[in-house]
PDB file of N, CA and C in Angstrom:
ATOM      1  N   MET A   1      -6.088 -20.912 -23.696  1.00  0.00           N
ATOM      2  CA  MET A   1      -4.938 -20.230 -22.897  1.00  0.00           C
ATOM      3  C   MET A   1      -4.504 -21.724 -22.082  1.00  0.00           C
ATOM      4  N   THR A   2      -3.224 -21.606 -22.145  1.00  0.00           N
ATOM      5  CA  THR A   2      -2.753 -22.174 -21.104  1.00  0.00           C
ATOM      6  C   THR A   2      -2.474 -22.279 -19.393  1.00  0.00           C
ATOM      7  N   ASN A   3      -2.725 -23.044 -18.754  1.00  0.00           N
ATOM      8  CA  ASN A   3      -2.621 -22.418 -17.256  1.00  0.00           C
ATOM      9  C   ASN A   3      -1.031 -23.068 -16.733  1.00  0.00           C
ATOM     10  N   THR A   4      -0.162 -22.262 -16.895  1.00  0.00           N
ATOM     11  CA  THR A   4       1.056 -22.493 -16.285  1.00  0.00           C
ATOM     12  C   THR A   4       1.126 -23.016 -14.729  1.00  0.00           C
ATOM     13  N   VAL A   5       1.940 -23.337 -14.183  1.00  0.00           N
ATOM     14  CA  VAL A   5       2.081 -23.911 -12.714  1.00  0.00           C
ATOM     15  C   VAL A   5       3.512 -23.682 -12.512  1.00  0.00           C
ATOM     16  N   GLU A   6       3.803 -23.385 -11.516  1.00  0.00           N
ATOM     17  CA  GLU A   6       5.304 -22.991 -11.301  1.00  0.00           C
ATOM     18  C   GLU A   6       5.428 -24.093  -9.827  1.00  0.00           C
ATOM     19  N   ARG A   7       6.496 -24.866  -9.778  1.00  0.00           N
ATOM     20  CA  ARG A   7       6.511 -25.907  -8.363  1.00  0.00           C
ATOM     21  C   ARG A   7       7.921 -25.242  -7.650  1.00  0.00           C
ATOM     22  N   MET A   8       7.192 -24.966  -6.498  1.00  0.00           N
ATOM     23  CA  MET A   8       8.283 -24.211  -5.506  1.00  0.00           C
ATOM     24  C   MET A   8       8.308 -25.342  -4.248  1.00  0.00           C
ATOM     25  N   THR A   9       9.153 -25.239  -3.480  1.00  0.00           N
ATOM     26  CA  THR A   9       9.773 -25.480  -2.345  1.00  0.00           C
ATOM     27  C   THR A   9       9.554 -24.639  -1.504  1.00  0.00           C
ATOM     28  N   ILE A  10       8.945 -25.117  -0.034  1.00  0.00           N
ATOM     29  CA  ILE A  10       8.738 -23.806   0.738  1.00  0.00           C
ATOM     30  C   ILE A  10       9.477 -24.703   2.129  1.00  0.00           C
ATOM     31  N   THR A  11       9.574 -24.269   3.178  1.00  0.00           N
ATOM     32  CA  THR A  11       9.911 -24.886   4.430  1.00  0.00           C
ATOM     33  C   THR A  11       9.332 -24.222   5.756  1.00  0.00           C
ATOM     34  N   LEU A  12       8.760 -25.415   5.996  1.00  0.00           N
ATOM     35  CA  LEU A  12       7.440 -24.891   7.378  1.00  0.00           C
ATOM     36  C   LEU A  12       8.355 -25.847   8.606  1.00  0.00           C
ATOM     37  N   THR A  13       7.682 -24.722   9.797  1.00  0.00           N
ATOM     38  CA  THR A  13       8.132 -25.371  10.820  1.00  0.00           C
ATOM     39  C   THR A  13       7.100 -26.908  11.029  1.00  0.00           C
ATOM     40  N   PRO A  14       7.784 -27.468  12.105  1.00  0.00           N
ATOM     41  CA  PRO A  14       7.147 -29.140  12.362  1.00  0.00           C
ATOM     42  C   PRO A  14       5.720 -28.806  12.634  1.00  0.00           C
ATOM     43  N   GLU A  15       5.249 -27.761  13.407  1.00  0.00           N
ATOM     44  CA  GLU A  15       3.800 -27.786  13.859  1.00  0.00           C
ATOM     45  C   GLU A  15       3.155 -27.039  12.612  1.00  0.00           C
ATOM     46  N   MET A  16       3.424 -26.150  11.820  1.00  0.00           N
ATOM     47  CA  MET A  16       2.884 -26.095  10.661  1.00  0.00           C
ATOM     48  C   MET A  16       2.527 -27.105   9.796  1.00  0.00           C
ATOM     49  N   ALA A  17       3.757 -28.199   9.598  1.00  0.00           N
ATOM     50  CA  ALA A  17       3.837 -29.380   8.803  1.00  0.00           C
ATOM     51  C   ALA A  17       2.908 -30.548   9.479  1.00  0.00           C
ATOM     52  N   HIS A  18       2.649 -30.376  10.311  1.00  0.00           N
ATOM     53  CA  HIS A  18       1.520 -31.330  10.938  1.00  0.00           C
ATOM     54  C   HIS A  18       0.414 -30.886  10.456  1.00  0.00           C
ATOM     55  N   THR A  19       0.145 -29.415  11.030  1.00  0.00           N
ATOM     56  CA  THR A  19      -1.085 -29.209  10.433  1.00  0.00           C
ATOM     57  C   THR A  19      -1.451 -28.869   9.164  1.00  0.00           C
ATOM     58  N   VAL A  20      -0.528 -29.143   8.062  1.00  0.00           N
ATOM     59  CA  VAL A  20      -0.586 -29.058   6.850  1.00  0.00           C
ATOM     60  C   VAL A  20      -1.589 -30.656   6.930  1.00  0.00           C
ATOM     61  N   LYS A  21      -0.272 -31.619   6.782  1.00  0.00           N
ATOM     62  CA  LYS A  21      -0.513 -33.150   6.837  1.00  0.00           C
ATOM     63  C   LYS A  21      -1.667 -33.573   7.556  1.00  0.00           C
ATOM     64  N   GLY A  22      -2.165 -32.812   8.345  1.00  0.00           N
ATOM     65  CA  GLY A  22      -3.619 -33.393   9.149  1.00  0.00           C
ATOM     66  C   GLY A  22      -4.913 -32.864   8.025  1.00  0.00           C
ATOM     67  N   ALA A  23      -4.766 -31.901   7.931  1.00  0.00           N
ATOM     68  CA  ALA A  23      -5.733 -31.486   6.926  1.00  0.00           C
ATOM     69  C   ALA A  23      -5.972 -32.229   5.561  1.00  0.00           C
ATOM     70  N   VAL A  24      -4.788 -32.623   4.988  1.00  0.00           N
ATOM     71  CA  VAL A  24      -4.664 -33.342   3.836  1.00  0.00           C
ATOM     72  C   VAL A  24      -5.406 -34.749   4.518  1.00  0.00           C
ATOM     73  N   ASN A  25      -4.863 -35.555   5.570  1.00  0.00           N
ATOM     74  CA  ASN A  25      -5.220 -36.640   6.508  1.00  0.00           C
ATOM     75  C   ASN A  25      -6.658 -36.375   6.267  1.00  0.00           C
ATOM     76  N   SER A  26      -7.068 -35.701   7.090  1.00  0.00           N
ATOM     77  CA  SER A  26      -8.844 -35.620   7.266  1.00  0.00           C
ATOM     78  C   SER A  26      -9.841 -35.638   5.923  1.00  0.00           C
ATOM     79  N   GLY A  27      -9.232 -35.229   4.925  1.00  0.00           N
ATOM     80  CA  GLY A  27      -9.837 -34.921   4.070  1.00  0.00           C
ATOM     81  C   GLY A  27     -10.337 -33.864   3.388  1.00  0.00           C
ATOM     82  N   SER A  28     -10.132 -32.692   4.556  1.00  0.00           N
ATOM     83  CA  SER A  28     -10.411 -31.494   4.517  1.00  0.00           C
ATOM     84  C   SER A  28     -10.000 -30.787   3.052  1.00  0.00           C
ATOM     85  N   TYR A  29      -8.978 -31.251   2.646  1.00  0.00           N
ATOM     86  CA  TYR A  29      -8.049 -30.880   1.369  1.00  0.00           C
ATOM     87  C   TYR A  29      -7.501 -31.800   0.455  1.00  0.00           C
ATOM     88  N   ALA A  30      -7.743 -31.521  -0.646  1.00  0.00           N
ATOM     89  CA  ALA A  30      -7.047 -32.667  -1.756  1.00  0.00           C
ATOM     90  C   ALA A  30      -5.457 -33.099  -1.647  1.00  0.00           C
ATOM     91  N   SER A  31      -4.653 -31.595  -1.413  1.00  0.00           N
ATOM     92  CA  SER A  31      -2.952 -31.799  -1.036  1.00  0.00           C
ATOM     93  C   SER A  31      -2.731 -30.654  -0.410  1.00  0.00           C
ATOM     94  N   SER A  32      -1.341 -30.766  -0.380  1.00  0.00           N
ATOM     95  CA  SER A  32      -0.889 -29.531   0.885  1.00  0.00           C
ATOM     96  C   SER A  32      -0.868 -28.452   0.089  1.00  0.00           C
ATOM     97  N   SER A  33      -0.910 -28.602  -1.708  1.00  0.00           N
ATOM     98  CA  SER A  33      -0.748 -27.496  -2.527  1.00  0.00           C
ATOM     99  C   SER A  33      -2.084 -26.579  -2.539  1.00  0.00           C
ATOM    100  N   GLU A  34      -3.128 -27.218  -2.477  1.00  0.00           N
ATOM    101  CA  GLU A  34      -4.343 -26.625  -1.827  1.00  0.00           C
ATOM    102  C   GLU A  34      -4.454 -25.643  -1.314  1.00  0.00           C
ATOM    103  N   ILE A  35      -3.857 -26.331   0.335  1.00  0.00           N
ATOM    104  CA  ILE A  35      -3.755 -25.718   1.249  1.00  0.00           C
ATOM    105  C   ILE A  35      -2.854 -24.344   1.308  1.00  0.00           C
ATOM    106  N   ILE A  36      -1.843 -24.558   0.848  1.00  0.00           N
ATOM    107  CA  ILE A  36      -1.152 -23.213   0.750  1.00  0.00           C
ATOM    108  C   ILE A  36      -1.458 -22.512  -0.538  1.00  0.00           C
ATOM    109  N   ARG A  37      -2.321 -22.812  -1.638  1.00  0.00           N
ATOM    110  CA  ARG A  37      -2.870 -22.007  -2.371  1.00  0.00           C
ATOM    111  C   ARG A  37      -4.142 -21.173  -1.682  1.00  0.00           C
ATOM    112  N   GLU A  38      -5.122 -21.788  -0.846  1.00  0.00           N
ATOM    113  CA  GLU A  38      -5.737 -20.740  -0.363  1.00  0.00           C
ATOM    114  C   GLU A  38      -5.328 -20.102   0.890  1.00  0.00           C
ATOM    115  N   ALA A  39      -4.389 -20.626   1.603  1.00  0.00           N
ATOM    116  CA  ALA A  39      -3.451 -19.435   2.400  1.00  0.00           C
ATOM    117  C   ALA A  39      -2.768 -18.385   1.926  1.00  0.00           C
ATOM    118  N   LEU A  40      -2.392 -18.382   0.754  1.00  0.00           N
ATOM    119  CA  LEU A  40      -2.142 -17.326  -0.249  1.00  0.00           C
ATOM    120  C   LEU A  40      -3.156 -16.543  -0.425  1.00  0.00           C
ATOM    121  N   ARG A  41      -4.305 -17.101  -1.281  1.00  0.00           N
ATOM    122  CA  ARG A  41      -5.447 -15.937  -1.219  1.00  0.00           C
ATOM    123  C   ARG A  41      -5.983 -15.263  -0.091  1.00  0.00           C
ATOM    124  N   ASP A  42      -6.019 -16.314   1.146  1.00  0.00           N
ATOM    125  CA  ASP A  42      -6.417 -15.499   2.339  1.00  0.00           C
ATOM    126  C   ASP A  42      -5.020 -14.188   2.736  1.00  0.00           C
ATOM    127  N   TRP A  43      -3.922 -14.574   2.554  1.00  0.00           N
ATOM    128  CA  TRP A  43      -3.081 -13.515   2.845  1.00  0.00           C
ATOM    129  C   TRP A  43      -3.105 -11.964   1.686  1.00  0.00           C
ATOM    130  N   GLN A  44      -3.602 -12.444   0.200  1.00  0.00           N
ATOM    131  CA  GLN A  44      -3.838 -11.771  -0.165  1.00  0.00           C
ATOM    132  C   GLN A  44      -4.750 -10.537  -0.121  1.00  0.00           C
ATOM    133  N   HIS A  45      -5.783 -11.715   0.330  1.00  0.00           N
ATOM    134  CA  HIS A  45      -6.952 -10.351   0.832  1.00  0.00           C
ATOM    135  C   HIS A  45      -7.018  -9.919   2.218  1.00  0.00           C
ATOM    136  N   LYS A  46      -6.180 -10.173   2.945  1.00  0.00           N
ATOM    137  CA  LYS A  46      -5.782  -9.449   4.047  1.00  0.00           C
ATOM    138  C   LYS A  46      -4.699  -8.553   3.879  1.00  0.00           C
ATOM    139  N   ARG A  47      -3.928  -8.154   2.835  1.00  0.00           N
ATOM    140  CA  ARG A  47      -2.928  -7.545   2.704  1.00  0.00           C
ATOM    141  C   ARG A  47      -4.159  -5.852   1.780  1.00  0.00           C
ATOM    142  N   GLN A  48      -5.363  -6.844   0.864  1.00  0.00           N
ATOM    143  CA  GLN A  48      -5.712  -5.563   0.256  1.00  0.00           C
ATOM    144  C   GLN A  48      -6.226  -4.744   1.118  1.00  0.00           C
ATOM    145  N   LEU A  49      -6.993  -5.628   2.273  1.00  0.00           N
ATOM    146  CA  LEU A  49      -8.161  -5.170   3.401  1.00  0.00           C
ATOM    147  C   LEU A  49      -7.098  -3.923   3.861  1.00  0.00           C
ATOM    148  N   GLN A  50      -5.824  -4.493   4.404  1.00  0.00           N
ATOM    149  CA  GLN A  50      -4.807  -3.463   4.980  1.00  0.00           C
ATOM    150  C   GLN A  50      -4.280  -2.129   4.211  1.00  0.00           C
ATOM    151  N   GLN A  51      -4.365  -2.469   3.325  1.00  0.00           N
ATOM    152  CA  GLN A  51      -4.272  -1.032   2.248  1.00  0.00           C
ATOM    153  C   GLN A  51      -5.372  -0.588   2.033  1.00  0.00           C
ATOM    154  N   GLN A  52      -6.316  -1.043   1.814  1.00  0.00           N
ATOM    155  CA  GLN A  52      -7.460   0.039   2.126  1.00  0.00           C
ATOM    156  C   GLN A  52      -7.696   0.592   3.354  1.00  0.00           C
ATOM    157  N   GLU A  53      -7.560  -0.123   4.454  1.00  0.00           N
ATOM    158  CA  GLU A  53      -7.202   0.673   5.672  1.00  0.00           C
ATOM    159  C   GLU A  53      -6.512   1.972   5.707  1.00  0.00           C
ATOM    160  N   PHE A  54      -5.454   1.665   5.331  1.00  0.00           N
ATOM    161  CA  PHE A  54      -4.286   2.781   5.104  1.00  0.00           C
ATOM    162  C   PHE A  54      -4.668   3.621   4.449  1.00  0.00           C
ATOM    163  N   GLU A  55      -5.334   3.643   3.444  1.00  0.00           N
ATOM    164  CA  GLU A  55      -5.794   4.458   2.431  1.00  0.00           C
ATOM    165  C   GLU A  55      -6.949   5.671   2.817  1.00  0.00           C
ATOM    166  N   LEU A  56      -7.682   4.739   3.773  1.00  0.00           N
ATOM    167  CA  LEU A  56      -8.682   5.561   4.788  1.00  0.00           C
ATOM    168  C   LEU A  56      -7.906   6.421   5.290  1.00  0.00           C
ATOM    169  N   LEU A  57      -6.989   5.966   6.475  1.00  0.00           N
ATOM    170  CA  LEU A  57      -6.109   6.365   7.490  1.00  0.00           C
ATOM    171  C   LEU A  57      -5.543   7.620   6.633  1.00  0.00           C
ATOM    172  N   ARG A  58      -5.076   7.318   5.451  1.00  0.00           N
ATOM    173  CA  ARG A  58      -4.479   8.205   4.983  1.00  0.00           C
ATOM    174  C   ARG A  58      -5.254   9.568   4.692  1.00  0.00           C
ATOM    175  N   ALA A  59      -6.591   9.308   4.175  1.00  0.00           N
ATOM    176  CA  ALA A  59      -7.252  10.209   3.605  1.00  0.00           C
ATOM    177  C   ALA A  59      -8.103  11.044   4.914  1.00  0.00           C
ATOM    178  N   ASP A  60      -7.926  10.523   5.837  1.00  0.00           N
ATOM    179  CA  ASP A  60      -8.467  10.941   7.376  1.00  0.00           C
ATOM    180  C   ASP A  60      -7.485  11.871   7.683  1.00  0.00           C
ATOM    181  N   VAL A  61      -6.067  11.525   7.535  1.00  0.00           N
ATOM    182  CA  VAL A  61      -4.930  12.569   8.101  1.00  0.00           C
ATOM    183  C   VAL A  61      -4.937  13.902   7.112  1.00  0.00           C
ATOM    184  N   GLN A  62      -5.254  13.313   5.848  1.00  0.00           N
ATOM    185  CA  GLN A  62      -5.008  14.585   4.743  1.00  0.00           C
ATOM    186  C   GLN A  62      -6.418  15.412   5.169  1.00  0.00           C
ATOM    187  N   LYS A  63      -7.437  15.371   5.777  1.00  0.00           N
ATOM    188  CA  LYS A  63      -8.612  16.022   5.914  1.00  0.00           C
ATOM    189  C   LYS A  63      -8.120  16.452   6.986  1.00  0.00           C
ATOM    190  N   GLY A  64      -7.474  16.205   8.551  1.00  0.00           N
ATOM    191  CA  GLY A  64      -6.840  16.964   9.491  1.00  0.00           C
ATOM    192  C   GLY A  64      -6.016  17.792   9.009  1.00  0.00           C
ATOM    193  N   MET A  65      -5.382  17.468   8.074  1.00  0.00           N
ATOM    194  CA  MET A  65      -4.240  18.424   7.757  1.00  0.00           C
ATOM    195  C   MET A  65      -4.553  19.507   7.117  1.00  0.00           C
ATOM    196  N   THR A  66      -5.867  19.332   6.122  1.00  0.00           N
ATOM    197  CA  THR A  66      -6.296  20.400   5.422  1.00  0.00           C
ATOM    198  C   THR A  66      -7.363  21.372   6.607  1.00  0.00           C
ATOM    199  N   ASP A  67      -7.902  20.866   7.479  1.00  0.00           N
ATOM    200  CA  ASP A  67      -8.511  21.677   8.387  1.00  0.00           C
ATOM    201  C   ASP A  67      -7.859  22.476   9.202  1.00  0.00           C
ATOM    202  N   TYR A  68      -6.724  21.946   9.701  1.00  0.00           N
ATOM    203  CA  TYR A  68      -5.397  22.708  10.378  1.00  0.00           C
ATOM    204  C   TYR A  68      -5.143  23.837   9.640  1.00  0.00           C
ATOM    205  N   GLU A  69      -4.845  23.538   8.272  1.00  0.00           N
ATOM    206  CA  GLU A  69      -4.330  24.699   7.586  1.00  0.00           C
ATOM    207  C   GLU A  69      -5.330  25.649   7.052  1.00  0.00           C
ATOM    208  N   ALA A  70      -6.661  25.421   6.911  1.00  0.00           N
ATOM    209  CA  ALA A  70      -7.810  26.364   6.963  1.00  0.00           C
ATOM    210  C   ALA A  70      -8.000  26.552   8.203  1.00  0.00           C
ATOM    211  N   GLY A  71      -7.490  26.663   9.257  1.00  0.00           N
ATOM    212  CA  GLY A  71      -7.902  27.023  10.785  1.00  0.00           C
ATOM    213  C   GLY A  71      -9.336  26.624  11.226  1.00  0.00           C
ATOM    214  N   ARG A  72      -9.616  25.681  10.962  1.00  0.00           N
ATOM    215  CA  ARG A  72     -10.724  24.835  11.284  1.00  0.00           C
ATOM    216  C   ARG A  72     -10.134  23.834  12.722  1.00  0.00           C
ATOM    217  N   VAL A  73      -8.953  24.007  13.122  1.00  0.00           N
ATOM    218  CA  VAL A  73      -8.694  23.343  14.276  1.00  0.00           C
ATOM    219  C   VAL A  73      -8.538  24.295  15.674  1.00  0.00           C
ATOM    220  N   HIS A  74      -9.068  23.882  16.491  1.00  0.00           N
ATOM    221  CA  HIS A  74      -8.909  24.287  17.952  1.00  0.00           C
ATOM    222  C   HIS A  74      -8.053  23.781  18.862  1.00  0.00           C
ATOM    223  N   ASP A  75      -7.592  24.553  19.706  1.00  0.00           N
ATOM    224  CA  ASP A  75      -6.682  23.504  20.861  1.00  0.00           C
ATOM    225  C   ASP A  75      -7.592  22.893  21.775  1.00  0.00           C
ATOM    226  N   PHE A  76      -6.884  21.622  22.056  1.00  0.00           N
ATOM    227  CA  PHE A  76      -7.838  20.388  22.874  1.00  0.00           C
ATOM    228  C   PHE A  76      -8.108  20.944  24.181  1.00  0.00           C
ATOM    229  N   ASP A  77      -9.260  21.107  24.350  1.00  0.00           N
ATOM    230  CA  ASP A  77      -9.753  21.267  25.610  1.00  0.00           C
ATOM    231  C   ASP A  77     -10.604  19.884  26.066  1.00  0.00           C
ATOM    232  N   ALA A  78     -10.247  19.265  26.910  1.00  0.00           N
ATOM    233  CA  ALA A  78     -11.156  17.951  27.627  1.00  0.00           C
ATOM    234  C   ALA A  78     -12.420  18.290  27.863  1.00  0.00           C
ATOM    235  N   GLU A  79     -12.359  19.252  29.055  1.00  0.00           N
ATOM    236  CA  GLU A  79     -13.170  19.413  29.465  1.00  0.00           C
ATOM    237  C   GLU A  79     -14.772  20.145  28.736  1.00  0.00           C
ATOM    238  N   ARG A  80     -14.369  20.557  27.712  1.00  0.00           N
ATOM    239  CA  ARG A  80     -15.142  21.303  26.741  1.00  0.00           C
ATOM    240  C   ARG A  80     -15.883  20.048  26.007  1.00  0.00           C
ATOM    241  N   ILE A  81     -15.025  19.082  25.943  1.00  0.00           N
ATOM    242  CA  ILE A  81     -15.659  17.715  24.931  1.00  0.00           C
ATOM    243  C   ILE A  81     -16.541  17.094  26.002  1.00  0.00           C
ATOM    244  N   ILE A  82     -16.246  16.802  26.970  1.00  0.00           N
ATOM    245  CA  ILE A  82     -16.811  16.298  28.330  1.00  0.00           C
ATOM    246  C   ILE A  82     -18.170  16.699  28.320  1.00  0.00           C
ATOM    247  N   ALA A  83     -18.394  18.157  28.477  1.00  0.00           N
ATOM    248  CA  ALA A  83     -19.467  19.006  28.591  1.00  0.00           C
ATOM    249  C   ALA A  83     -20.176  18.870  27.632  1.00  0.00           C
ATOM    250  N   LYS A  84     -19.752  18.704  26.239  1.00  0.00           N
ATOM    251  CA  LYS A  84     -20.440  18.713  24.652  1.00  0.00           C
ATOM    252  C   LYS A  84     -20.861  17.289  24.792  1.00  0.00           C
ATOM    253  N   GLY A  85     -20.377  16.351  25.072  1.00  0.00           N
ATOM    254  CA  GLY A  85     -20.891  14.880  25.040  1.00  0.00           C
ATOM    255  C   GLY A  85     -21.918  14.910  26.387  1.00  0.00           C
ATOM    256  N   LYS A  86     -21.841  15.215  27.518  1.00  0.00           N
ATOM    257  CA  LYS A  86     -23.045  15.636  28.539  1.00  0.00           C
ATOM    258  C   LYS A  86     -24.234  16.185  28.201  1.00  0.00           C
ATOM    259  N   ALA A  87     -24.071  16.806  27.190  1.00  0.00           N
ATOM    260  CA  ALA A  87     -25.267  18.178  26.517  1.00  0.00           C
ATOM    261  C   ALA A  87     -25.680  17.118  25.349  1.00  0.00           C
ATOM    262  N   ARG A  88     -25.291  16.010  24.702  1.00  0.00           N
ATOM    263  CA  ARG A  88     -25.834  15.426  23.855  1.00  0.00           C
ATOM    264  C   ARG A  88     -26.799  14.259  24.596  1.00  0.00           C
ATOM    265  N   LYS A  89     -26.339  13.735  25.856  1.00  0.00           N
ATOM    266  CA  LYS A  89     -27.096  12.658  26.213  1.00  0.00           C
ATOM    267  C   LYS A  89     -28.425  12.827  26.894  1.00  0.00           C
ATOM    268  N   PRO A  90     -29.308  12.246  26.667  1.00  0.00           N
ATOM    269  CA  PRO A  90     -31.025  12.527  26.831  1.00  0.00           C
ATOM    270  C   PRO A  90     -31.403  12.453  28.638  1.00  0.00           C
TER     271      PRO A  90
END
């Protein structure tokens, strides 16, 4: 299996370029490409986590809608909720 690489050109702000060059010059990374690849992996991971959080939120909303449709939702009564919370405290 051959590993193919695609060359791309990116544009960075001067501050970002300075940061990348500094990381390479300090020896933290072998090349600017290595930094960009790591940044993209981090970005992909962050996007996956966001998608998972979105799916959990979607499930919570669906549960709420199901509860509402089944009549398991009551009017909001802050005083009742506060009293219930106080009753739970030791």
